[in-house]
């Protein structure tokens, strides 16, 4: 009997922030209970009717308590789980910190982010920090940028 492949759902779209502050990159451990020990750029799923930058600023505030200015997109990354069919497309934007601090009193209202921390490029290159995607340091410290055409209302 042939093994059935899982039914693939529509890909989830997420926006992520590459925030460099004092030459360190902000990453979050966005897994309840820190069960994977995996770090990623803050951000999350996009809601319809809001621009990608609006979604991203909201997600970063929820996950870190920080206010950011969203700049240009610099990386598109996809991942999927062949066992479940989960498929996500992450759009990474270069962002700047506008207000806030990473103080210990902050709690993610969704209970997903368990830790937030700035990492140096040297720390990430040393191999002691598990992060995804692999191209994260190059995107964060690189100079390239992609063009972004902001959300527009469809013409009728």
C-alpha atoms as a PDB file:
ATOM      1  CA  UNK A   1       0.000   0.000   0.000  1.00  0.00           C
ATOM      2  CA  UNK A   2       1.340   3.438  -0.930  1.00  0.00           C
ATOM      3  CA  UNK A   3       2.018   5.867   1.901  1.00  0.00           C
ATOM      4  CA  UNK A   4      -0.266   8.898   1.730  1.00  0.00           C
ATOM      5  CA  UNK A   5       1.373  12.301   1.796  1.00  0.00           C
ATOM      6  CA  UNK A   6       0.006  14.810   4.301  1.00  0.00           C
ATOM      7  CA  UNK A   7      -2.433  17.331   2.883  1.00  0.00           C
ATOM      8  CA  UNK A   8      -0.617  20.624   2.465  1.00  0.00           C
ATOM      9  CA  UNK A   9      -2.297  23.692   3.909  1.00  0.00           C
ATOM     10  CA  UNK A  10      -2.007  27.190   2.522  1.00  0.00           C
ATOM     11  CA  UNK A  11       1.394  28.610   3.496  1.00  0.00           C
ATOM     12  CA  UNK A  12       1.413  30.909   6.505  1.00  0.00           C
ATOM     13  CA  UNK A  13       2.939  34.351   5.908  1.00  0.00           C
ATOM     14  CA  UNK A  14       5.061  35.872   8.656  1.00  0.00           C
ATOM     15  CA  UNK A  15       7.121  39.057   8.983  1.00  0.00           C
ATOM     16  CA  UNK A  16      10.345  39.106  11.032  1.00  0.00           C
ATOM     17  CA  UNK A  17      12.541  41.943  12.293  1.00  0.00           C
ATOM     18  CA  UNK A  18      16.307  42.151  11.967  1.00  0.00           C
ATOM     19  CA  UNK A  19      17.117  44.640  14.723  1.00  0.00           C
ATOM     20  CA  UNK A  20      20.755  45.558  15.208  1.00  0.00           C
ATOM     21  CA  UNK A  21      21.515  47.594  18.316  1.00  0.00           C
ATOM     22  CA  UNK A  22      25.111  48.377  19.258  1.00  0.00           C
ATOM     23  CA  UNK A  23      26.155  45.859  16.585  1.00  0.00           C
ATOM     24  CA  UNK A  24      24.172  43.056  18.227  1.00  0.00           C
ATOM     25  CA  UNK A  25      21.171  41.233  16.742  1.00  0.00           C
ATOM     26  CA  UNK A  26      17.970  40.773  18.722  1.00  0.00           C
ATOM     27  CA  UNK A  27      16.715  37.182  18.777  1.00  0.00           C
ATOM     28  CA  UNK A  28      13.915  35.502  20.699  1.00  0.00           C
ATOM     29  CA  UNK A  29      13.326  31.971  21.881  1.00  0.00           C
ATOM     30  CA  UNK A  30       9.773  31.660  20.618  1.00  0.00           C
ATOM     31  CA  UNK A  31       8.914  28.192  21.807  1.00  0.00           C
ATOM     32  CA  UNK A  32       6.808  27.666  24.927  1.00  0.00           C
ATOM     33  CA  UNK A  33       8.982  26.355  27.725  1.00  0.00           C
ATOM     34  CA  UNK A  34      12.109  27.004  25.611  1.00  0.00           C
ATOM     35  CA  UNK A  35      11.755  23.364  24.588  1.00  0.00           C
ATOM     36  CA  UNK A  36      13.864  23.608  21.423  1.00  0.00           C
ATOM     37  CA  UNK A  37      16.577  26.024  22.523  1.00  0.00           C
ATOM     38  CA  UNK A  38      16.239  27.575  19.075  1.00  0.00           C
ATOM     39  CA  UNK A  39      16.498  31.331  18.526  1.00  0.00           C
ATOM     40  CA  UNK A  40      14.877  33.354  15.738  1.00  0.00           C
ATOM     41  CA  UNK A  41      14.215  36.947  14.778  1.00  0.00           C
ATOM     42  CA  UNK A  42      11.140  38.425  16.491  1.00  0.00           C
ATOM     43  CA  UNK A  43       7.958  38.622  14.470  1.00  0.00           C
ATOM     44  CA  UNK A  44       5.080  36.422  13.496  1.00  0.00           C
ATOM     45  CA  UNK A  45       2.006  35.734  11.453  1.00  0.00           C
ATOM     46  CA  UNK A  46       0.414  38.439   9.370  1.00  0.00           C
ATOM     47  CA  UNK A  47      -3.199  39.502   9.672  1.00  0.00           C
ATOM     48  CA  UNK A  48      -5.170  40.431   6.536  1.00  0.00           C
ATOM     49  CA  UNK A  49      -5.880  44.116   6.040  1.00  0.00           C
ATOM     50  CA  UNK A  50      -2.669  45.306   7.675  1.00  0.00           C
ATOM     51  CA  UNK A  51       0.554  46.036   5.841  1.00  0.00           C
ATOM     52  CA  UNK A  52       3.576  43.842   6.492  1.00  0.00           C
ATOM     53  CA  UNK A  53       5.282  46.668   8.449  1.00  0.00           C
ATOM     54  CA  UNK A  54       2.159  47.167  10.601  1.00  0.00           C
ATOM     55  CA  UNK A  55       1.999  43.449  11.328  1.00  0.00           C
ATOM     56  CA  UNK A  56       5.699  43.362  12.139  1.00  0.00           C
ATOM     57  CA  UNK A  57       5.644  46.363  14.488  1.00  0.00           C
ATOM     58  CA  UNK A  58       2.701  44.795  16.362  1.00  0.00           C
ATOM     59  CA  UNK A  59       4.398  41.392  16.641  1.00  0.00           C
ATOM     60  CA  UNK A  60       7.690  42.879  17.846  1.00  0.00           C
ATOM     61  CA  UNK A  61       5.840  44.921  20.494  1.00  0.00           C
ATOM     62  CA  UNK A  62       3.998  41.805  21.675  1.00  0.00           C
ATOM     63  CA  UNK A  63       7.117  39.616  21.759  1.00  0.00           C
ATOM     64  CA  UNK A  64       9.663  42.093  23.107  1.00  0.00           C
ATOM     65  CA  UNK A  65       7.966  45.253  24.372  1.00  0.00           C
ATOM     66  CA  UNK A  66      10.045  47.292  21.910  1.00  0.00           C
ATOM     67  CA  UNK A  67       8.887  49.932  19.453  1.00  0.00           C
ATOM     68  CA  UNK A  68      10.593  49.696  16.045  1.00  0.00           C
ATOM     69  CA  UNK A  69      10.769  51.475  12.713  1.00  0.00           C
ATOM     70  CA  UNK A  70      10.431  48.975   9.871  1.00  0.00           C
ATOM     71  CA  UNK A  71      12.851  49.388   6.992  1.00  0.00           C
ATOM     72  CA  UNK A  72      13.332  47.471   3.751  1.00  0.00           C
ATOM     73  CA  UNK A  73      12.946  43.715   3.316  1.00  0.00           C
ATOM     74  CA  UNK A  74      16.254  41.884   3.100  1.00  0.00           C
ATOM     75  CA  UNK A  75      15.470  38.164   3.154  1.00  0.00           C
ATOM     76  CA  UNK A  76      12.736  35.718   2.182  1.00  0.00           C
ATOM     77  CA  UNK A  77      12.906  32.337   3.887  1.00  0.00           C
ATOM     78  CA  UNK A  78      10.591  29.332   3.660  1.00  0.00           C
ATOM     79  CA  UNK A  79      10.320  26.244   5.795  1.00  0.00           C
ATOM     80  CA  UNK A  80       7.933  23.368   6.013  1.00  0.00           C
ATOM     81  CA  UNK A  81       7.288  20.247   8.031  1.00  0.00           C
ATOM     82  CA  UNK A  82       6.704  17.339   5.642  1.00  0.00           C
ATOM     83  CA  UNK A  83       5.089  15.313   8.443  1.00  0.00           C
ATOM     84  CA  UNK A  84       2.355  17.851   9.187  1.00  0.00           C
ATOM     85  CA  UNK A  85       2.232  19.869   5.979  1.00  0.00           C
ATOM     86  CA  UNK A  86       2.954  23.104   7.880  1.00  0.00           C
ATOM     87  CA  UNK A  87       4.561  25.612   5.495  1.00  0.00           C
ATOM     88  CA  UNK A  88       5.662  29.133   6.433  1.00  0.00           C
ATOM     89  CA  UNK A  89       7.109  31.986   4.396  1.00  0.00           C
ATOM     90  CA  UNK A  90       9.086  34.494   6.472  1.00  0.00           C
ATOM     91  CA  UNK A  91       9.827  37.983   5.164  1.00  0.00           C
ATOM     92  CA  UNK A  92      12.702  39.590   7.086  1.00  0.00           C
ATOM     93  CA  UNK A  93      12.882  43.383   7.316  1.00  0.00           C
ATOM     94  CA  UNK A  94      15.786  45.530   8.466  1.00  0.00           C
ATOM     95  CA  UNK A  95      14.451  47.460  11.477  1.00  0.00           C
ATOM     96  CA  UNK A  96      15.678  50.055  13.939  1.00  0.00           C
ATOM     97  CA  UNK A  97      14.926  50.323  17.617  1.00  0.00           C
ATOM     98  CA  UNK A  98      12.871  53.428  18.404  1.00  0.00           C
ATOM     99  CA  UNK A  99      11.906  52.934  22.048  1.00  0.00           C
ATOM    100  CA  UNK A 100      12.045  50.454  24.896  1.00  0.00           C
ATOM    101  CA  UNK A 101      14.435  48.216  26.783  1.00  0.00           C
ATOM    102  CA  UNK A 102      14.674  44.478  27.342  1.00  0.00           C
ATOM    103  CA  UNK A 103      13.785  44.540  31.016  1.00  0.00           C
ATOM    104  CA  UNK A 104      12.915  41.479  33.080  1.00  0.00           C
ATOM    105  CA  UNK A 105       9.367  42.647  33.795  1.00  0.00           C
ATOM    106  CA  UNK A 106       8.210  42.079  30.191  1.00  0.00           C
ATOM    107  CA  UNK A 107       6.005  39.055  29.554  1.00  0.00           C
ATOM    108  CA  UNK A 108       4.795  37.974  26.118  1.00  0.00           C
ATOM    109  CA  UNK A 109       0.976  38.208  26.289  1.00  0.00           C
ATOM    110  CA  UNK A 110       0.710  35.101  24.087  1.00  0.00           C
ATOM    111  CA  UNK A 111       3.115  33.143  26.298  1.00  0.00           C
ATOM    112  CA  UNK A 112       5.210  32.048  23.328  1.00  0.00           C
ATOM    113  CA  UNK A 113       8.436  34.039  23.708  1.00  0.00           C
ATOM    114  CA  UNK A 114      10.376  32.741  26.687  1.00  0.00           C
ATOM    115  CA  UNK A 115      13.557  34.805  26.305  1.00  0.00           C
ATOM    116  CA  UNK A 116      14.875  37.789  24.351  1.00  0.00           C
ATOM    117  CA  UNK A 117      18.495  38.679  23.903  1.00  0.00           C
ATOM    118  CA  UNK A 118      20.934  40.612  21.725  1.00  0.00           C
ATOM    119  CA  UNK A 119      23.725  38.477  20.207  1.00  0.00           C
ATOM    120  CA  UNK A 120      26.979  39.569  18.580  1.00  0.00           C
ATOM    121  CA  UNK A 121      27.971  38.211  15.197  1.00  0.00           C
ATOM    122  CA  UNK A 122      30.904  36.474  16.891  1.00  0.00           C
ATOM    123  CA  UNK A 123      28.532  34.673  19.298  1.00  0.00           C
ATOM    124  CA  UNK A 124      26.389  33.451  16.403  1.00  0.00           C
ATOM    125  CA  UNK A 125      29.430  32.329  14.403  1.00  0.00           C
ATOM    126  CA  UNK A 126      30.873  30.383  17.357  1.00  0.00           C
ATOM    127  CA  UNK A 127      28.237  27.686  16.926  1.00  0.00           C
ATOM    128  CA  UNK A 128      26.986  27.684  20.527  1.00  0.00           C
ATOM    129  CA  UNK A 129      23.703  29.411  19.669  1.00  0.00           C
ATOM    130  CA  UNK A 130      21.094  27.469  17.679  1.00  0.00           C
ATOM    131  CA  UNK A 131      19.278  29.817  15.304  1.00  0.00           C
ATOM    132  CA  UNK A 132      17.325  29.708  12.062  1.00  0.00           C
ATOM    133  CA  UNK A 133      17.530  30.450   9.233  1.00  0.00           C
ATOM    134  CA  UNK A 134      21.207  29.744   8.648  1.00  0.00           C
ATOM    135  CA  UNK A 135      21.534  32.931   6.557  1.00  0.00           C
ATOM    136  CA  UNK A 136      20.367  35.147   9.447  1.00  0.00           C
ATOM    137  CA  UNK A 137      23.771  36.756  10.240  1.00  0.00           C
ATOM    138  CA  UNK A 138      24.482  37.537   6.591  1.00  0.00           C
ATOM    139  CA  UNK A 139      21.047  39.129   6.187  1.00  0.00           C
ATOM    140  CA  UNK A 140      21.321  41.103   9.434  1.00  0.00           C
ATOM    141  CA  UNK A 141      24.825  42.477   8.925  1.00  0.00           C
ATOM    142  CA  UNK A 142      24.691  42.641   5.117  1.00  0.00           C
ATOM    143  CA  UNK A 143      24.200  45.827   3.153  1.00  0.00           C
ATOM    144  CA  UNK A 144      21.740  44.559   0.563  1.00  0.00           C
ATOM    145  CA  UNK A 145      18.059  45.410   0.450  1.00  0.00           C
ATOM    146  CA  UNK A 146      15.126  44.362  -1.668  1.00  0.00           C
ATOM    147  CA  UNK A 147      12.437  46.711  -2.946  1.00  0.00           C
ATOM    148  CA  UNK A 148       9.112  46.718  -1.109  1.00  0.00           C
ATOM    149  CA  UNK A 149       5.921  48.102  -2.630  1.00  0.00           C
ATOM    150  CA  UNK A 150       3.650  48.938   0.354  1.00  0.00           C
ATOM    151  CA  UNK A 151       0.183  47.479   0.808  1.00  0.00           C
ATOM    152  CA  UNK A 152      -2.353  49.134  -1.480  1.00  0.00           C
ATOM    153  CA  UNK A 153      -6.125  48.986  -1.605  1.00  0.00           C
ATOM    154  CA  UNK A 154      -7.239  47.115  -4.727  1.00  0.00           C
ATOM    155  CA  UNK A 155      -8.698  49.269  -7.488  1.00  0.00           C
ATOM    156  CA  UNK A 156     -12.348  48.709  -8.277  1.00  0.00           C
END
